[in-house]
């Protein structure tokens, strides 16, 4: 099984909808077993500047993480199709093991 993690800014949009919502609906259409979106409390990127979206008077983009796990082939197929739709974000893929 593979786990994919997609890092984006919460305020990014795809057309008229939030990007994270587009991605979640995209994963449903591709019959991924399940996915979860998390909103970050604090984060930093390549410029090493802390982003605190909950601070007063903060205009920083809140970080988002969308994670999903499924069979290798389904994850690879969904990510390949997703990259045809969007070019932003950072994707990490890890091999995972299911414990029954």
C-alpha atoms as a PDB file:
ATOM      1  CA  UNK A   1       0.000   0.000   0.000  1.00  0.00           C
ATOM      2  CA  UNK A   2       1.032   3.585  -0.605  1.00  0.00           C
ATOM      3  CA  UNK A   3       0.345   6.698   1.426  1.00  0.00           C
ATOM      4  CA  UNK A   4       0.299  10.014  -0.405  1.00  0.00           C
ATOM      5  CA  UNK A   5       0.539  13.342   1.381  1.00  0.00           C
ATOM      6  CA  UNK A   6      -0.274  16.530  -0.507  1.00  0.00           C
ATOM      7  CA  UNK A   7       0.849  19.838   1.011  1.00  0.00           C
ATOM      8  CA  UNK A   8      -0.885  23.002  -0.214  1.00  0.00           C
ATOM      9  CA  UNK A   9      -1.870  26.441   1.054  1.00  0.00           C
ATOM     10  CA  UNK A  10      -5.430  26.476   2.416  1.00  0.00           C
ATOM     11  CA  UNK A  11      -6.320  29.632   0.503  1.00  0.00           C
ATOM     12  CA  UNK A  12      -5.407  28.228  -2.942  1.00  0.00           C
ATOM     13  CA  UNK A  13      -8.349  27.840  -5.291  1.00  0.00           C
ATOM     14  CA  UNK A  14      -9.205  25.711  -8.296  1.00  0.00           C
ATOM     15  CA  UNK A  15     -11.771  27.586 -10.341  1.00  0.00           C
ATOM     16  CA  UNK A  16     -14.380  28.810  -7.873  1.00  0.00           C
ATOM     17  CA  UNK A  17     -13.703  26.259  -5.121  1.00  0.00           C
ATOM     18  CA  UNK A  18     -10.949  25.767  -2.558  1.00  0.00           C
ATOM     19  CA  UNK A  19      -8.140  23.585  -3.920  1.00  0.00           C
ATOM     20  CA  UNK A  20      -8.351  21.193  -0.968  1.00  0.00           C
ATOM     21  CA  UNK A  21     -12.055  20.622  -1.699  1.00  0.00           C
ATOM     22  CA  UNK A  22     -11.327  20.008  -5.378  1.00  0.00           C
ATOM     23  CA  UNK A  23      -8.659  17.455  -4.417  1.00  0.00           C
ATOM     24  CA  UNK A  24     -10.979  15.645  -1.998  1.00  0.00           C
ATOM     25  CA  UNK A  25     -13.746  15.415  -4.624  1.00  0.00           C
ATOM     26  CA  UNK A  26     -11.144  14.325  -7.191  1.00  0.00           C
ATOM     27  CA  UNK A  27     -10.085  11.463  -4.893  1.00  0.00           C
ATOM     28  CA  UNK A  28     -13.724  10.405  -4.472  1.00  0.00           C
ATOM     29  CA  UNK A  29     -14.158  10.301  -8.265  1.00  0.00           C
ATOM     30  CA  UNK A  30     -11.033   8.132  -8.498  1.00  0.00           C
ATOM     31  CA  UNK A  31     -12.506   5.740  -5.917  1.00  0.00           C
ATOM     32  CA  UNK A  32      -9.750   6.189  -3.341  1.00  0.00           C
ATOM     33  CA  UNK A  33     -10.677   4.275  -0.178  1.00  0.00           C
ATOM     34  CA  UNK A  34     -10.489   7.357   2.066  1.00  0.00           C
ATOM     35  CA  UNK A  35      -8.735  10.671   2.574  1.00  0.00           C
ATOM     36  CA  UNK A  36      -8.382  13.275   5.298  1.00  0.00           C
ATOM     37  CA  UNK A  37      -7.563  16.979   5.080  1.00  0.00           C
ATOM     38  CA  UNK A  38      -5.752  18.650   7.976  1.00  0.00           C
ATOM     39  CA  UNK A  39      -5.353  22.391   8.554  1.00  0.00           C
ATOM     40  CA  UNK A  40      -1.969  23.310   9.963  1.00  0.00           C
ATOM     41  CA  UNK A  41      -1.572  25.411  13.102  1.00  0.00           C
ATOM     42  CA  UNK A  42       1.905  26.615  12.180  1.00  0.00           C
ATOM     43  CA  UNK A  43       4.359  25.854   9.413  1.00  0.00           C
ATOM     44  CA  UNK A  44       7.180  27.085   7.221  1.00  0.00           C
ATOM     45  CA  UNK A  45       8.413  26.440   3.732  1.00  0.00           C
ATOM     46  CA  UNK A  46      11.465  26.978   1.596  1.00  0.00           C
ATOM     47  CA  UNK A  47      11.910  30.576   2.847  1.00  0.00           C
ATOM     48  CA  UNK A  48      11.964  29.444   6.499  1.00  0.00           C
ATOM     49  CA  UNK A  49       9.432  32.052   7.615  1.00  0.00           C
ATOM     50  CA  UNK A  50       6.964  30.797  10.208  1.00  0.00           C
ATOM     51  CA  UNK A  51       3.325  31.026   9.192  1.00  0.00           C
ATOM     52  CA  UNK A  52       0.847  31.348  12.027  1.00  0.00           C
ATOM     53  CA  UNK A  53      -2.580  31.630  10.436  1.00  0.00           C
ATOM     54  CA  UNK A  54      -4.361  31.835  13.798  1.00  0.00           C
ATOM     55  CA  UNK A  55      -2.345  34.810  15.064  1.00  0.00           C
ATOM     56  CA  UNK A  56      -4.130  38.121  15.263  1.00  0.00           C
ATOM     57  CA  UNK A  57      -3.637  40.249  12.162  1.00  0.00           C
ATOM     58  CA  UNK A  58      -1.927  37.383  10.354  1.00  0.00           C
ATOM     59  CA  UNK A  59      -2.305  37.245   6.594  1.00  0.00           C
ATOM     60  CA  UNK A  60      -0.218  34.084   6.182  1.00  0.00           C
ATOM     61  CA  UNK A  61      -1.633  31.243   4.150  1.00  0.00           C
ATOM     62  CA  UNK A  62      -2.639  28.383   6.420  1.00  0.00           C
ATOM     63  CA  UNK A  63      -0.890  25.157   5.413  1.00  0.00           C
ATOM     64  CA  UNK A  64      -3.065  22.158   4.505  1.00  0.00           C
ATOM     65  CA  UNK A  65      -2.217  18.481   4.362  1.00  0.00           C
ATOM     66  CA  UNK A  66      -4.349  15.972   2.474  1.00  0.00           C
ATOM     67  CA  UNK A  67      -3.398  12.376   3.091  1.00  0.00           C
ATOM     68  CA  UNK A  68      -4.719   9.147   1.620  1.00  0.00           C
ATOM     69  CA  UNK A  69      -3.765   5.477   1.544  1.00  0.00           C
ATOM     70  CA  UNK A  70      -4.774   2.832  -0.966  1.00  0.00           C
ATOM     71  CA  UNK A  71      -3.337   0.112  -3.184  1.00  0.00           C
ATOM     72  CA  UNK A  72      -0.140   1.128  -4.975  1.00  0.00           C
ATOM     73  CA  UNK A  73      -1.704   1.213  -8.427  1.00  0.00           C
ATOM     74  CA  UNK A  74      -4.722   3.300  -7.346  1.00  0.00           C
ATOM     75  CA  UNK A  75      -2.532   5.874  -5.588  1.00  0.00           C
ATOM     76  CA  UNK A  76      -0.127   6.182  -8.524  1.00  0.00           C
ATOM     77  CA  UNK A  77      -3.000   6.476 -11.011  1.00  0.00           C
ATOM     78  CA  UNK A  78      -4.793   9.132  -8.934  1.00  0.00           C
ATOM     79  CA  UNK A  79      -1.610  11.192  -8.479  1.00  0.00           C
ATOM     80  CA  UNK A  80      -0.780  11.017 -12.178  1.00  0.00           C
ATOM     81  CA  UNK A  81      -4.286  12.204 -13.075  1.00  0.00           C
ATOM     82  CA  UNK A  82      -4.196  14.901 -10.381  1.00  0.00           C
ATOM     83  CA  UNK A  83      -0.931  16.321 -11.741  1.00  0.00           C
ATOM     84  CA  UNK A  84      -2.686  16.833 -15.081  1.00  0.00           C
ATOM     85  CA  UNK A  85      -5.197  19.074 -13.278  1.00  0.00           C
ATOM     86  CA  UNK A  86      -2.996  21.040 -10.855  1.00  0.00           C
ATOM     87  CA  UNK A  87       0.655  22.002 -10.721  1.00  0.00           C
ATOM     88  CA  UNK A  88       0.935  23.515  -7.237  1.00  0.00           C
ATOM     89  CA  UNK A  89       1.560  21.706  -4.006  1.00  0.00           C
ATOM     90  CA  UNK A  90       4.155  19.266  -2.765  1.00  0.00           C
ATOM     91  CA  UNK A  91       3.524  15.509  -2.794  1.00  0.00           C
ATOM     92  CA  UNK A  92       5.221  12.886  -0.630  1.00  0.00           C
ATOM     93  CA  UNK A  93       4.617   9.173  -1.231  1.00  0.00           C
ATOM     94  CA  UNK A  94       5.543   6.467   1.273  1.00  0.00           C
ATOM     95  CA  UNK A  95       5.217   2.716   1.287  1.00  0.00           C
ATOM     96  CA  UNK A  96       3.023   1.667   4.231  1.00  0.00           C
ATOM     97  CA  UNK A  97       2.009  -1.617   5.738  1.00  0.00           C
ATOM     98  CA  UNK A  98      -1.453  -2.634   6.875  1.00  0.00           C
ATOM     99  CA  UNK A  99      -1.563  -4.450  10.188  1.00  0.00           C
ATOM    100  CA  UNK A 100      -4.588  -6.686  10.583  1.00  0.00           C
END
